């Protein structure tokens, strides 16, 4: 998970990008809506979701929404904060997940991919811990969100996500956009605008 120096991810970073409403790229209400949608969608397509892994869990908003989920992050500050909120979270080594093969039904990688200069090692690890019928949901920012954080390295649109999935042996099942729908205007104007791509393993 090649990212910026650890000095980027200090308390000031989280204050600016997580807690300050004027500069935050995280919207808790959006996380709650997304969580409800993902759970409902997986139930509709009959995907059993018993174990959910949130990779790059940040301050744990999705973990709070789904208490039986597990979070991992490379940042000790994040992990400590998540645990203070009563969540299950672990500090992970770069590009290494501390879990056995094939043990998760669903994996979330929300606003993490754009931080990685080389996404292949981490996505290969995620693939390793997914069950055969598991799904991976990846969220990436739009144009304004991408520009809002100096640690963002790679911009992904729908085509780039599809190409990446194919190279790694995934199928793209659906593309979602938040808020509302696909919109170049919202992508340019709204920091919290995101593309969500749901992947499953090729058989």
C-alpha atoms as a PDB file:
ATOM      1  CA  UNK A   1       0.000   0.000   0.000  1.00  0.00           C
ATOM      2  CA  UNK A   2       2.552   2.548  -1.153  1.00  0.00           C
ATOM      3  CA  UNK A   3       1.325   5.874   0.162  1.00  0.00           C
ATOM      4  CA  UNK A   4       2.686   9.159   1.417  1.00  0.00           C
ATOM      5  CA  UNK A   5       4.991   9.520   4.384  1.00  0.00           C
ATOM      6  CA  UNK A   6       3.376   8.770   7.728  1.00  0.00           C
ATOM      7  CA  UNK A   7       3.558  12.477   8.506  1.00  0.00           C
ATOM      8  CA  UNK A   8       0.603  12.999   6.184  1.00  0.00           C
ATOM      9  CA  UNK A   9      -1.623  10.869   8.387  1.00  0.00           C
ATOM     10  CA  UNK A  10      -1.264  12.677  11.691  1.00  0.00           C
ATOM     11  CA  UNK A  11      -4.025  14.123  13.860  1.00  0.00           C
ATOM     12  CA  UNK A  12      -4.117  17.320  11.781  1.00  0.00           C
ATOM     13  CA  UNK A  13      -4.825  15.274   8.644  1.00  0.00           C
ATOM     14  CA  UNK A  14      -7.828  13.574  10.211  1.00  0.00           C
ATOM     15  CA  UNK A  15      -9.117  16.825  11.669  1.00  0.00           C
ATOM     16  CA  UNK A  16      -9.099  18.393   8.215  1.00  0.00           C
ATOM     17  CA  UNK A  17     -10.340  15.538   6.048  1.00  0.00           C
ATOM     18  CA  UNK A  18     -12.636  13.739   8.500  1.00  0.00           C
ATOM     19  CA  UNK A  19     -13.926  16.094  11.199  1.00  0.00           C
ATOM     20  CA  UNK A  20     -13.948  19.654   9.786  1.00  0.00           C
ATOM     21  CA  UNK A  21     -17.233  20.000   7.883  1.00  0.00           C
ATOM     22  CA  UNK A  22     -15.778  22.645   5.574  1.00  0.00           C
ATOM     23  CA  UNK A  23     -12.939  20.454   4.313  1.00  0.00           C
ATOM     24  CA  UNK A  24     -14.119  16.931   5.102  1.00  0.00           C
ATOM     25  CA  UNK A  25     -14.233  14.355   2.315  1.00  0.00           C
ATOM     26  CA  UNK A  26     -16.228  12.005   4.570  1.00  0.00           C
ATOM     27  CA  UNK A  27     -19.996  12.257   4.997  1.00  0.00           C
ATOM     28  CA  UNK A  28     -21.352  10.073   7.829  1.00  0.00           C
ATOM     29  CA  UNK A  29     -24.921  10.229   6.508  1.00  0.00           C
ATOM     30  CA  UNK A  30     -23.633   9.064   3.132  1.00  0.00           C
ATOM     31  CA  UNK A  31     -21.796   6.168   4.820  1.00  0.00           C
ATOM     32  CA  UNK A  32     -25.014   5.112   6.544  1.00  0.00           C
ATOM     33  CA  UNK A  33     -26.977   5.268   3.278  1.00  0.00           C
ATOM     34  CA  UNK A  34     -24.274   3.354   1.457  1.00  0.00           C
ATOM     35  CA  UNK A  35     -24.144   0.694   4.156  1.00  0.00           C
ATOM     36  CA  UNK A  36     -27.912   0.201   4.033  1.00  0.00           C
ATOM     37  CA  UNK A  37     -27.856  -0.019   0.246  1.00  0.00           C
ATOM     38  CA  UNK A  38     -24.974  -2.496   0.105  1.00  0.00           C
ATOM     39  CA  UNK A  39     -26.573  -4.802   2.667  1.00  0.00           C
ATOM     40  CA  UNK A  40     -29.949  -4.638   0.890  1.00  0.00           C
ATOM     41  CA  UNK A  41     -28.389  -5.228  -2.516  1.00  0.00           C
ATOM     42  CA  UNK A  42     -26.412  -8.257  -1.359  1.00  0.00           C
ATOM     43  CA  UNK A  43     -29.533  -9.699   0.218  1.00  0.00           C
ATOM     44  CA  UNK A  44     -31.440  -9.155  -3.054  1.00  0.00           C
ATOM     45  CA  UNK A  45     -28.841 -11.010  -5.135  1.00  0.00           C
ATOM     46  CA  UNK A  46     -28.667 -13.737  -2.447  1.00  0.00           C
ATOM     47  CA  UNK A  47     -25.067 -13.167  -1.483  1.00  0.00           C
ATOM     48  CA  UNK A  48     -24.597 -14.330   2.126  1.00  0.00           C
ATOM     49  CA  UNK A  49     -22.824 -11.662   4.129  1.00  0.00           C
ATOM     50  CA  UNK A  50     -21.575 -13.105   7.377  1.00  0.00           C
ATOM     51  CA  UNK A  51     -18.070 -11.636   7.514  1.00  0.00           C
ATOM     52  CA  UNK A  52     -17.357  -8.152   6.167  1.00  0.00           C
ATOM     53  CA  UNK A  53     -13.864  -6.671   5.957  1.00  0.00           C
ATOM     54  CA  UNK A  54     -13.328  -2.909   5.648  1.00  0.00           C
ATOM     55  CA  UNK A  55      -9.813  -2.331   4.270  1.00  0.00           C
ATOM     56  CA  UNK A  56      -8.555   1.151   5.073  1.00  0.00           C
ATOM     57  CA  UNK A  57     -11.347   1.579   7.609  1.00  0.00           C
ATOM     58  CA  UNK A  58     -10.296   5.103   8.621  1.00  0.00           C
ATOM     59  CA  UNK A  59     -12.189   6.310  11.675  1.00  0.00           C
ATOM     60  CA  UNK A  60     -14.630   3.406  11.484  1.00  0.00           C
ATOM     61  CA  UNK A  61     -17.902   4.915  10.233  1.00  0.00           C
ATOM     62  CA  UNK A  62     -18.785   1.768   8.271  1.00  0.00           C
ATOM     63  CA  UNK A  63     -17.730  -0.429  11.195  1.00  0.00           C
ATOM     64  CA  UNK A  64     -20.128   1.459  13.450  1.00  0.00           C
ATOM     65  CA  UNK A  65     -22.919   0.977  10.914  1.00  0.00           C
ATOM     66  CA  UNK A  66     -22.323  -2.768  10.754  1.00  0.00           C
ATOM     67  CA  UNK A  67     -21.043  -3.872  14.190  1.00  0.00           C
ATOM     68  CA  UNK A  68     -20.182  -7.415  13.075  1.00  0.00           C
ATOM     69  CA  UNK A  69     -17.676  -6.125  10.509  1.00  0.00           C
ATOM     70  CA  UNK A  70     -13.888  -6.053  10.887  1.00  0.00           C
ATOM     71  CA  UNK A  71     -11.645  -3.149   9.956  1.00  0.00           C
ATOM     72  CA  UNK A  72      -7.964  -2.917   9.076  1.00  0.00           C
ATOM     73  CA  UNK A  73      -5.805   0.124   8.509  1.00  0.00           C
ATOM     74  CA  UNK A  74      -2.095   0.867   8.189  1.00  0.00           C
ATOM     75  CA  UNK A  75      -2.476   3.831  10.522  1.00  0.00           C
ATOM     76  CA  UNK A  76      -2.296   3.193  14.261  1.00  0.00           C
ATOM     77  CA  UNK A  77      -4.272   6.376  15.009  1.00  0.00           C
ATOM     78  CA  UNK A  78      -7.199   5.033  12.991  1.00  0.00           C
ATOM     79  CA  UNK A  79      -7.125   1.653  14.675  1.00  0.00           C
ATOM     80  CA  UNK A  80      -7.025   3.171  18.164  1.00  0.00           C
ATOM     81  CA  UNK A  81      -9.901   5.527  17.328  1.00  0.00           C
ATOM     82  CA  UNK A  82     -12.004   2.666  15.944  1.00  0.00           C
ATOM     83  CA  UNK A  83     -11.426   0.615  19.082  1.00  0.00           C
ATOM     84  CA  UNK A  84     -12.461   3.572  21.252  1.00  0.00           C
ATOM     85  CA  UNK A  85     -15.743   3.542  19.315  1.00  0.00           C
ATOM     86  CA  UNK A  86     -16.215  -0.122  20.195  1.00  0.00           C
ATOM     87  CA  UNK A  87     -15.253  -1.480  16.775  1.00  0.00           C
ATOM     88  CA  UNK A  88     -13.083  -4.466  15.892  1.00  0.00           C
ATOM     89  CA  UNK A  89     -10.042  -3.110  14.065  1.00  0.00           C
ATOM     90  CA  UNK A  90      -6.474  -4.221  13.463  1.00  0.00           C
ATOM     91  CA  UNK A  91      -3.335  -2.485  12.306  1.00  0.00           C
ATOM     92  CA  UNK A  92      -2.126  -4.110   9.097  1.00  0.00           C
ATOM     93  CA  UNK A  93       1.347  -4.245   7.540  1.00  0.00           C
ATOM     94  CA  UNK A  94       1.609  -2.634   4.112  1.00  0.00           C
ATOM     95  CA  UNK A  95      -0.146  -4.818   1.519  1.00  0.00           C
ATOM     96  CA  UNK A  96      -0.606  -7.707   3.967  1.00  0.00           C
ATOM     97  CA  UNK A  97      -3.931  -8.743   5.470  1.00  0.00           C
ATOM     98  CA  UNK A  98      -3.700 -10.678   8.763  1.00  0.00           C
ATOM     99  CA  UNK A  99      -6.328 -13.244   7.800  1.00  0.00           C
ATOM    100  CA  UNK A 100      -6.539 -16.741   6.342  1.00  0.00           C
ATOM    101  CA  UNK A 101      -7.441 -17.458   2.725  1.00  0.00           C
ATOM    102  CA  UNK A 102     -11.086 -17.264   1.698  1.00  0.00           C
ATOM    103  CA  UNK A 103     -12.585 -16.071   4.970  1.00  0.00           C
ATOM    104  CA  UNK A 104     -14.711 -13.014   4.004  1.00  0.00           C
ATOM    105  CA  UNK A 105     -18.061 -12.757   2.201  1.00  0.00           C
ATOM    106  CA  UNK A 106     -17.673  -9.074   1.423  1.00  0.00           C
ATOM    107  CA  UNK A 107     -14.806  -6.603   1.323  1.00  0.00           C
ATOM    108  CA  UNK A 108     -15.043  -2.820   1.250  1.00  0.00           C
ATOM    109  CA  UNK A 109     -12.262  -0.598  -0.123  1.00  0.00           C
ATOM    110  CA  UNK A 110     -13.762   2.867   0.193  1.00  0.00           C
ATOM    111  CA  UNK A 111     -11.666   5.893  -0.777  1.00  0.00           C
ATOM    112  CA  UNK A 112      -8.411   3.942  -0.496  1.00  0.00           C
ATOM    113  CA  UNK A 113      -7.512   2.955  -4.052  1.00  0.00           C
ATOM    114  CA  UNK A 114      -6.663   6.514  -5.133  1.00  0.00           C
ATOM    115  CA  UNK A 115      -3.982   6.680  -2.411  1.00  0.00           C
ATOM    116  CA  UNK A 116      -2.017   3.774  -3.925  1.00  0.00           C
ATOM    117  CA  UNK A 117       0.709   4.261  -6.508  1.00  0.00           C
ATOM    118  CA  UNK A 118       0.541   0.520  -7.223  1.00  0.00           C
ATOM    119  CA  UNK A 119      -2.823  -1.083  -6.347  1.00  0.00           C
ATOM    120  CA  UNK A 120      -1.936  -4.630  -7.429  1.00  0.00           C
ATOM    121  CA  UNK A 121      -0.314  -5.937  -4.212  1.00  0.00           C
ATOM    122  CA  UNK A 122      -3.203  -4.879  -1.977  1.00  0.00           C
ATOM    123  CA  UNK A 123      -5.920  -5.998  -4.392  1.00  0.00           C
ATOM    124  CA  UNK A 124      -4.182  -9.359  -4.767  1.00  0.00           C
ATOM    125  CA  UNK A 125      -4.248  -9.731  -0.971  1.00  0.00           C
ATOM    126  CA  UNK A 126      -7.942  -8.804  -0.912  1.00  0.00           C
ATOM    127  CA  UNK A 127      -8.602 -11.397  -3.586  1.00  0.00           C
ATOM    128  CA  UNK A 128      -6.830 -13.994  -1.426  1.00  0.00           C
ATOM    129  CA  UNK A 129      -9.098 -13.464   1.608  1.00  0.00           C
ATOM    130  CA  UNK A 130     -12.352 -13.438  -0.391  1.00  0.00           C
ATOM    131  CA  UNK A 131     -14.551 -16.503  -0.576  1.00  0.00           C
ATOM    132  CA  UNK A 132     -15.377 -17.751  -4.082  1.00  0.00           C
ATOM    133  CA  UNK A 133     -18.794 -16.090  -4.075  1.00  0.00           C
ATOM    134  CA  UNK A 134     -17.682 -12.965  -2.215  1.00  0.00           C
ATOM    135  CA  UNK A 135     -18.030  -9.412  -3.497  1.00  0.00           C
ATOM    136  CA  UNK A 136     -15.661  -6.461  -3.355  1.00  0.00           C
ATOM    137  CA  UNK A 137     -17.029  -2.919  -3.290  1.00  0.00           C
ATOM    138  CA  UNK A 138     -14.574  -0.194  -4.278  1.00  0.00           C
ATOM    139  CA  UNK A 139     -15.281   3.499  -3.846  1.00  0.00           C
ATOM    140  CA  UNK A 140     -13.203   6.266  -5.456  1.00  0.00           C
ATOM    141  CA  UNK A 141     -13.680  10.045  -5.469  1.00  0.00           C
ATOM    142  CA  UNK A 142     -14.801  12.224  -8.330  1.00  0.00           C
ATOM    143  CA  UNK A 143     -12.770  15.065  -9.796  1.00  0.00           C
ATOM    144  CA  UNK A 144     -13.191  17.508  -6.899  1.00  0.00           C
ATOM    145  CA  UNK A 145     -12.653  14.877  -4.222  1.00  0.00           C
ATOM    146  CA  UNK A 146      -9.540  13.663  -6.002  1.00  0.00           C
ATOM    147  CA  UNK A 147      -8.082  17.179  -5.968  1.00  0.00           C
ATOM    148  CA  UNK A 148      -9.014  17.773  -2.314  1.00  0.00           C
ATOM    149  CA  UNK A 149      -6.363  15.505  -0.772  1.00  0.00           C
ATOM    150  CA  UNK A 150      -2.651  15.926  -1.570  1.00  0.00           C
ATOM    151  CA  UNK A 151      -2.050  12.214  -0.945  1.00  0.00           C
ATOM    152  CA  UNK A 152      -4.327  11.135  -3.817  1.00  0.00           C
ATOM    153  CA  UNK A 153      -2.088   9.614  -6.476  1.00  0.00           C
ATOM    154  CA  UNK A 154      -4.246   8.011  -9.177  1.00  0.00           C
ATOM    155  CA  UNK A 155      -7.615   9.147 -10.543  1.00  0.00           C
ATOM    156  CA  UNK A 156     -10.073   6.423 -11.526  1.00  0.00           C
ATOM    157  CA  UNK A 157     -13.148   6.747 -13.681  1.00  0.00           C
ATOM    158  CA  UNK A 158     -15.506   3.930 -14.649  1.00  0.00           C
ATOM    159  CA  UNK A 159     -13.331   2.742 -17.551  1.00  0.00           C
ATOM    160  CA  UNK A 160     -10.170   2.672 -15.424  1.00  0.00           C
ATOM    161  CA  UNK A 161     -11.916   0.633 -12.732  1.00  0.00           C
ATOM    162  CA  UNK A 162     -13.180  -1.837 -15.321  1.00  0.00           C
ATOM    163  CA  UNK A 163      -9.714  -2.292 -16.827  1.00  0.00           C
ATOM    164  CA  UNK A 164      -8.176  -2.780 -13.383  1.00  0.00           C
ATOM    165  CA  UNK A 165     -10.769  -5.382 -12.421  1.00  0.00           C
ATOM    166  CA  UNK A 166     -10.155  -7.359 -15.610  1.00  0.00           C
ATOM    167  CA  UNK A 167      -6.372  -7.392 -15.106  1.00  0.00           C
ATOM    168  CA  UNK A 168      -6.840  -8.811 -11.609  1.00  0.00           C
ATOM    169  CA  UNK A 169      -9.357 -11.507 -12.541  1.00  0.00           C
ATOM    170  CA  UNK A 170     -12.555  -9.797 -11.371  1.00  0.00           C
ATOM    171  CA  UNK A 171     -15.902  -9.195 -13.028  1.00  0.00           C
ATOM    172  CA  UNK A 172     -17.532  -5.784 -12.614  1.00  0.00           C
ATOM    173  CA  UNK A 173     -21.153  -6.427 -11.648  1.00  0.00           C
ATOM    174  CA  UNK A 174     -22.432  -2.885 -11.275  1.00  0.00           C
ATOM    175  CA  UNK A 175     -21.312   0.755 -11.137  1.00  0.00           C
ATOM    176  CA  UNK A 176     -22.995   3.035  -8.614  1.00  0.00           C
ATOM    177  CA  UNK A 177     -22.665   6.778  -8.067  1.00  0.00           C
ATOM    178  CA  UNK A 178     -23.235   8.830  -4.945  1.00  0.00           C
ATOM    179  CA  UNK A 179     -25.010  11.095  -4.414  1.00  0.00           C
ATOM    180  CA  UNK A 180     -27.842  10.464  -6.860  1.00  0.00           C
ATOM    181  CA  UNK A 181     -26.455   9.216 -10.182  1.00  0.00           C
ATOM    182  CA  UNK A 182     -23.561   9.524 -12.614  1.00  0.00           C
ATOM    183  CA  UNK A 183     -22.883  13.219 -13.149  1.00  0.00           C
ATOM    184  CA  UNK A 184     -19.798  14.965 -14.511  1.00  0.00           C
ATOM    185  CA  UNK A 185     -21.138  18.180 -12.996  1.00  0.00           C
ATOM    186  CA  UNK A 186     -21.381  16.719  -9.472  1.00  0.00           C
ATOM    187  CA  UNK A 187     -17.980  15.092  -9.912  1.00  0.00           C
ATOM    188  CA  UNK A 188     -16.463  18.533 -10.524  1.00  0.00           C
ATOM    189  CA  UNK A 189     -18.444  20.403  -7.874  1.00  0.00           C
ATOM    190  CA  UNK A 190     -19.043  18.066  -4.902  1.00  0.00           C
ATOM    191  CA  UNK A 191     -16.160  16.723  -2.796  1.00  0.00           C
ATOM    192  CA  UNK A 192     -18.174  13.747  -1.557  1.00  0.00           C
ATOM    193  CA  UNK A 193     -19.177  12.571  -5.038  1.00  0.00           C
ATOM    194  CA  UNK A 194     -17.941   8.994  -5.514  1.00  0.00           C
ATOM    195  CA  UNK A 195     -17.999   6.128  -7.972  1.00  0.00           C
ATOM    196  CA  UNK A 196     -18.689   2.700  -6.475  1.00  0.00           C
ATOM    197  CA  UNK A 197     -17.773  -0.429  -8.394  1.00  0.00           C
ATOM    198  CA  UNK A 198     -18.878  -3.874  -7.235  1.00  0.00           C
ATOM    199  CA  UNK A 199     -16.616  -6.751  -8.249  1.00  0.00           C
ATOM    200  CA  UNK A 200     -16.779 -10.506  -7.964  1.00  0.00           C
ATOM    201  CA  UNK A 201     -14.208 -13.189  -8.725  1.00  0.00           C
ATOM    202  CA  UNK A 202     -14.106 -14.612 -12.238  1.00  0.00           C
ATOM    203  CA  UNK A 203     -14.871 -18.302 -12.412  1.00  0.00           C
END
